[in-house]
Amino acid sequence: MLQMGELKSAIAKAASNRSRLIVMRNAALDGLDFPNINLNQQLSDQLLNIPRKDRARSISPLLNSLILQADGDEVVLNGLDILFDRSLAIDPIRLLMACSKTKTLLVIWPGDRTSTGLSYAVPSHPEYRTYKASDLSDAIYLDADVQRH
């Protein structure tokens, strides 16, 4: 189990990185005092008003706007599945790293951690993605539930 002190230490470390991205798996941050953005809900609501042909170009400004509007210096992002939608033609990790330059992003990763990095979906799935550790060199990875002890 990840203790609150470990999370605070990761947040402090991220502040000195070029991108302030903390990727977490199996994390339940609901009881913490960080703004929490469900990307599936927030982005899909906004994308409905944008013509299909313009959505790929709009996703980065929309995500940046959501992050900047959130109070505080740390923001929890969950519901990342929408970022893997092939019609958006984006690289989710690259987008998250770019968006994490102004605030620390605590990203609840919907996939798995592998021996070589991160993955999303299974190889036969059309939205399957893998990321090597070298793709994540500036990110911090935590793999446990956060406990408030």
C-alpha atoms as a PDB file:
ATOM      1  CA  MET A   1       0.000   0.000   0.000  1.00  0.00           C
ATOM      2  CA  LEU A   2       1.217   3.462  -0.899  1.00  0.00           C
ATOM      3  CA  GLN A   3       1.219   5.820   2.061  1.00  0.00           C
ATOM      4  CA  MET A   4       0.267   9.486   1.807  1.00  0.00           C
ATOM      5  CA  GLY A   5       3.891  10.398   2.564  1.00  0.00           C
ATOM      6  CA  GLU A   6       5.030   8.480  -0.521  1.00  0.00           C
ATOM      7  CA  LEU A   7       2.524  10.375  -2.656  1.00  0.00           C
ATOM      8  CA  LYS A   8       3.682  13.710  -1.222  1.00  0.00           C
ATOM      9  CA  SER A   9       7.291  12.712  -1.921  1.00  0.00           C
ATOM     10  CA  ALA A  10       6.401  11.848  -5.536  1.00  0.00           C
ATOM     11  CA  ILE A  11       4.619  15.209  -5.921  1.00  0.00           C
ATOM     12  CA  ALA A  12       7.690  17.039  -4.581  1.00  0.00           C
ATOM     13  CA  LYS A  13       9.964  15.109  -6.936  1.00  0.00           C
ATOM     14  CA  ALA A  14       7.678  15.778  -9.912  1.00  0.00           C
ATOM     15  CA  ALA A  15       7.905  19.522  -9.281  1.00  0.00           C
ATOM     16  CA  SER A  16      11.552  19.422 -10.378  1.00  0.00           C
ATOM     17  CA  ASN A  17      10.877  17.417 -13.557  1.00  0.00           C
ATOM     18  CA  ARG A  18      10.327  18.931 -16.986  1.00  0.00           C
ATOM     19  CA  SER A  19       6.886  17.339 -17.081  1.00  0.00           C
ATOM     20  CA  ARG A  20       5.084  16.919 -13.783  1.00  0.00           C
ATOM     21  CA  LEU A  21       3.405  13.607 -14.543  1.00  0.00           C
ATOM     22  CA  ILE A  22       2.711  10.944 -11.927  1.00  0.00           C
ATOM     23  CA  VAL A  23       1.171   7.776 -13.373  1.00  0.00           C
ATOM     24  CA  MET A  24      -0.701   5.677 -10.840  1.00  0.00           C
ATOM     25  CA  ARG A  25      -2.284   2.270 -11.168  1.00  0.00           C
ATOM     26  CA  ASN A  26      -4.737   0.804  -8.663  1.00  0.00           C
ATOM     27  CA  ALA A  27      -5.048   4.187  -6.995  1.00  0.00           C
ATOM     28  CA  ALA A  28      -8.123   5.462  -5.194  1.00  0.00           C
ATOM     29  CA  LEU A  29      -7.646   9.183  -4.621  1.00  0.00           C
ATOM     30  CA  ASP A  30     -11.304  10.054  -4.022  1.00  0.00           C
ATOM     31  CA  GLY A  31     -10.828  11.120  -0.409  1.00  0.00           C
ATOM     32  CA  LEU A  32      -7.927  13.476  -1.107  1.00  0.00           C
ATOM     33  CA  ASP A  33      -8.125  17.226  -1.532  1.00  0.00           C
ATOM     34  CA  PHE A  34      -7.090  17.333  -5.191  1.00  0.00           C
ATOM     35  CA  PRO A  35      -9.422  18.382  -8.009  1.00  0.00           C
ATOM     36  CA  ASN A  36     -10.516  15.254  -9.877  1.00  0.00           C
ATOM     37  CA  ILE A  37     -11.318  15.373 -13.598  1.00  0.00           C
ATOM     38  CA  ASN A  38     -13.017  12.439 -15.305  1.00  0.00           C
ATOM     39  CA  LEU A  39     -11.762  12.820 -18.876  1.00  0.00           C
ATOM     40  CA  ASN A  40     -14.281  10.365 -20.326  1.00  0.00           C
ATOM     41  CA  GLN A  41     -17.092  12.559 -19.074  1.00  0.00           C
ATOM     42  CA  GLN A  42     -15.602  16.044 -19.437  1.00  0.00           C
ATOM     43  CA  LEU A  43     -13.976  15.640 -22.853  1.00  0.00           C
ATOM     44  CA  SER A  44     -16.798  13.666 -24.427  1.00  0.00           C
ATOM     45  CA  ASP A  45     -19.286  16.366 -23.370  1.00  0.00           C
ATOM     46  CA  GLN A  46     -17.150  19.034 -25.037  1.00  0.00           C
ATOM     47  CA  LEU A  47     -16.280  16.998 -28.125  1.00  0.00           C
ATOM     48  CA  LEU A  48     -19.967  16.488 -28.930  1.00  0.00           C
ATOM     49  CA  ASN A  49     -20.135  20.162 -29.910  1.00  0.00           C
ATOM     50  CA  ILE A  50     -17.127  19.921 -32.249  1.00  0.00           C
ATOM     51  CA  PRO A  51     -17.390  18.557 -35.806  1.00  0.00           C
ATOM     52  CA  ARG A  52     -15.831  15.093 -36.085  1.00  0.00           C
ATOM     53  CA  LYS A  53     -13.135  16.314 -38.494  1.00  0.00           C
ATOM     54  CA  ASP A  54     -11.954  18.946 -35.973  1.00  0.00           C
ATOM     55  CA  ARG A  55     -11.869  16.765 -32.849  1.00  0.00           C
ATOM     56  CA  ALA A  56      -8.272  15.545 -33.160  1.00  0.00           C
ATOM     57  CA  ARG A  57      -7.041  19.130 -33.416  1.00  0.00           C
ATOM     58  CA  SER A  58      -9.254  20.234 -30.484  1.00  0.00           C
ATOM     59  CA  ILE A  59      -8.353  17.616 -27.878  1.00  0.00           C
ATOM     60  CA  SER A  60      -5.109  19.208 -26.648  1.00  0.00           C
ATOM     61  CA  PRO A  61      -6.569  22.709 -26.082  1.00  0.00           C
ATOM     62  CA  LEU A  62      -9.643  21.188 -24.410  1.00  0.00           C
ATOM     63  CA  LEU A  63      -7.558  19.096 -22.028  1.00  0.00           C
ATOM     64  CA  ASN A  64      -5.261  22.014 -21.225  1.00  0.00           C
ATOM     65  CA  SER A  65      -8.269  24.201 -20.483  1.00  0.00           C
ATOM     66  CA  LEU A  66      -9.762  21.608 -18.102  1.00  0.00           C
ATOM     67  CA  ILE A  67      -6.465  21.326 -16.245  1.00  0.00           C
ATOM     68  CA  LEU A  68      -5.895  25.073 -15.995  1.00  0.00           C
ATOM     69  CA  GLN A  69      -9.447  25.643 -14.714  1.00  0.00           C
ATOM     70  CA  ALA A  70      -8.921  23.188 -11.851  1.00  0.00           C
ATOM     71  CA  ASP A  71      -8.006  24.741  -8.506  1.00  0.00           C
ATOM     72  CA  GLY A  72      -4.647  23.939  -6.993  1.00  0.00           C
ATOM     73  CA  ASP A  73      -1.296  22.811  -8.276  1.00  0.00           C
ATOM     74  CA  GLU A  74      -2.115  19.071  -8.397  1.00  0.00           C
ATOM     75  CA  VAL A  75      -4.928  17.567 -10.463  1.00  0.00           C
ATOM     76  CA  VAL A  76      -6.172  13.967 -10.573  1.00  0.00           C
ATOM     77  CA  LEU A  77      -7.089  12.721 -14.051  1.00  0.00           C
ATOM     78  CA  ASN A  78      -9.126   9.549 -14.368  1.00  0.00           C
ATOM     79  CA  GLY A  79     -11.261   8.065 -17.135  1.00  0.00           C
ATOM     80  CA  LEU A  80      -8.415   8.253 -19.646  1.00  0.00           C
ATOM     81  CA  ASP A  81      -9.999   5.755 -22.039  1.00  0.00           C
ATOM     82  CA  ILE A  82     -11.254   8.538 -24.323  1.00  0.00           C
ATOM     83  CA  LEU A  83      -7.662   9.537 -25.067  1.00  0.00           C
ATOM     84  CA  PHE A  84      -7.094   6.147 -26.721  1.00  0.00           C
ATOM     85  CA  ASP A  85      -9.969   6.613 -29.189  1.00  0.00           C
ATOM     86  CA  ARG A  86      -8.298   6.050 -32.557  1.00  0.00           C
ATOM     87  CA  SER A  87     -10.427   8.725 -34.238  1.00  0.00           C
ATOM     88  CA  LEU A  88      -8.655  11.365 -32.137  1.00  0.00           C
ATOM     89  CA  ALA A  89      -5.281  10.312 -33.578  1.00  0.00           C
ATOM     90  CA  ILE A  90      -3.277  11.360 -30.517  1.00  0.00           C
ATOM     91  CA  ASP A  91      -0.574   9.815 -28.375  1.00  0.00           C
ATOM     92  CA  PRO A  92      -2.084   9.838 -24.864  1.00  0.00           C
ATOM     93  CA  ILE A  93       1.221   9.789 -22.960  1.00  0.00           C
ATOM     94  CA  ARG A  94       2.770  12.520 -25.092  1.00  0.00           C
ATOM     95  CA  LEU A  95      -0.368  14.647 -24.620  1.00  0.00           C
ATOM     96  CA  LEU A  96      -0.371  14.108 -20.842  1.00  0.00           C
ATOM     97  CA  MET A  97       3.315  14.952 -20.581  1.00  0.00           C
ATOM     98  CA  ALA A  98       2.757  18.162 -22.541  1.00  0.00           C
ATOM     99  CA  CYS A  99      -0.188  19.107 -20.320  1.00  0.00           C
ATOM    100  CA  SER A 100       1.783  18.427 -17.135  1.00  0.00           C
ATOM    101  CA  LYS A 101       4.175  21.334 -17.529  1.00  0.00           C
ATOM    102  CA  THR A 102       2.039  23.796 -15.522  1.00  0.00           C
ATOM    103  CA  LYS A 103       0.442  21.513 -12.913  1.00  0.00           C
ATOM    104  CA  THR A 104       1.284  18.148 -11.420  1.00  0.00           C
ATOM    105  CA  LEU A 105      -0.992  15.543 -12.979  1.00  0.00           C
ATOM    106  CA  LEU A 106      -1.856  12.472 -10.918  1.00  0.00           C
ATOM    107  CA  VAL A 107      -3.019  10.182 -13.701  1.00  0.00           C
ATOM    108  CA  ILE A 108      -4.997   7.051 -12.883  1.00  0.00           C
ATOM    109  CA  TRP A 109      -3.678   4.683 -15.570  1.00  0.00           C
ATOM    110  CA  PRO A 110      -6.400   2.393 -16.969  1.00  0.00           C
ATOM    111  CA  GLY A 111      -3.960  -0.194 -18.292  1.00  0.00           C
ATOM    112  CA  ASP A 112      -1.152  -2.319 -16.962  1.00  0.00           C
ATOM    113  CA  ARG A 113       2.452  -1.919 -16.010  1.00  0.00           C
ATOM    114  CA  THR A 114       4.674  -4.355 -17.846  1.00  0.00           C
ATOM    115  CA  SER A 115       8.299  -5.292 -17.324  1.00  0.00           C
ATOM    116  CA  THR A 116       9.227  -2.816 -20.067  1.00  0.00           C
ATOM    117  CA  GLY A 117       6.798   0.077 -19.418  1.00  0.00           C
ATOM    118  CA  LEU A 118       3.041   0.620 -19.674  1.00  0.00           C
ATOM    119  CA  SER A 119       0.320  -0.883 -21.822  1.00  0.00           C
ATOM    120  CA  TYR A 120      -3.309  -0.147 -22.587  1.00  0.00           C
ATOM    121  CA  ALA A 121      -5.764  -2.828 -23.777  1.00  0.00           C
ATOM    122  CA  VAL A 122      -4.707  -6.182 -25.216  1.00  0.00           C
ATOM    123  CA  PRO A 123      -2.693  -6.651 -28.423  1.00  0.00           C
ATOM    124  CA  SER A 124      -5.749  -7.687 -30.458  1.00  0.00           C
ATOM    125  CA  HIS A 125      -7.722  -4.565 -29.440  1.00  0.00           C
ATOM    126  CA  PRO A 126      -7.759  -1.666 -31.950  1.00  0.00           C
ATOM    127  CA  GLU A 127      -6.808   0.845 -29.222  1.00  0.00           C
ATOM    128  CA  TYR A 128      -3.879  -1.214 -27.930  1.00  0.00           C
ATOM    129  CA  ARG A 129      -0.840   0.874 -26.982  1.00  0.00           C
ATOM    130  CA  THR A 130       2.476   0.176 -25.319  1.00  0.00           C
ATOM    131  CA  TYR A 131       5.002   2.606 -23.918  1.00  0.00           C
ATOM    132  CA  LYS A 132       8.604   1.733 -23.199  1.00  0.00           C
ATOM    133  CA  ALA A 133      10.225   2.990 -20.022  1.00  0.00           C
ATOM    134  CA  SER A 134      12.316   5.329 -22.200  1.00  0.00           C
ATOM    135  CA  ASP A 135       9.051   6.984 -23.369  1.00  0.00           C
ATOM    136  CA  LEU A 136       8.254   7.657 -19.717  1.00  0.00           C
ATOM    137  CA  SER A 137      11.660   8.842 -18.525  1.00  0.00           C
ATOM    138  CA  ASP A 138      10.299  12.071 -17.050  1.00  0.00           C
ATOM    139  CA  ALA A 139       7.214  10.475 -15.464  1.00  0.00           C
ATOM    140  CA  ILE A 140       6.943   9.029 -11.969  1.00  0.00           C
ATOM    141  CA  TYR A 141       5.142   5.702 -11.640  1.00  0.00           C
ATOM    142  CA  LEU A 142       3.337   4.529  -8.495  1.00  0.00           C
ATOM    143  CA  ASP A 143       1.567   1.178  -8.302  1.00  0.00           C
ATOM    144  CA  ALA A 144      -0.668   0.924  -5.253  1.00  0.00           C
ATOM    145  CA  ASP A 145      -3.674   2.301  -3.453  1.00  0.00           C
ATOM    146  CA  VAL A 146      -3.127   5.544  -1.586  1.00  0.00           C
ATOM    147  CA  GLN A 147      -3.940   5.251   2.090  1.00  0.00           C
ATOM    148  CA  ARG A 148      -4.497   8.308   4.305  1.00  0.00           C
ATOM    149  CA  HIS A 149      -2.527   7.063   7.355  1.00  0.00           C
END
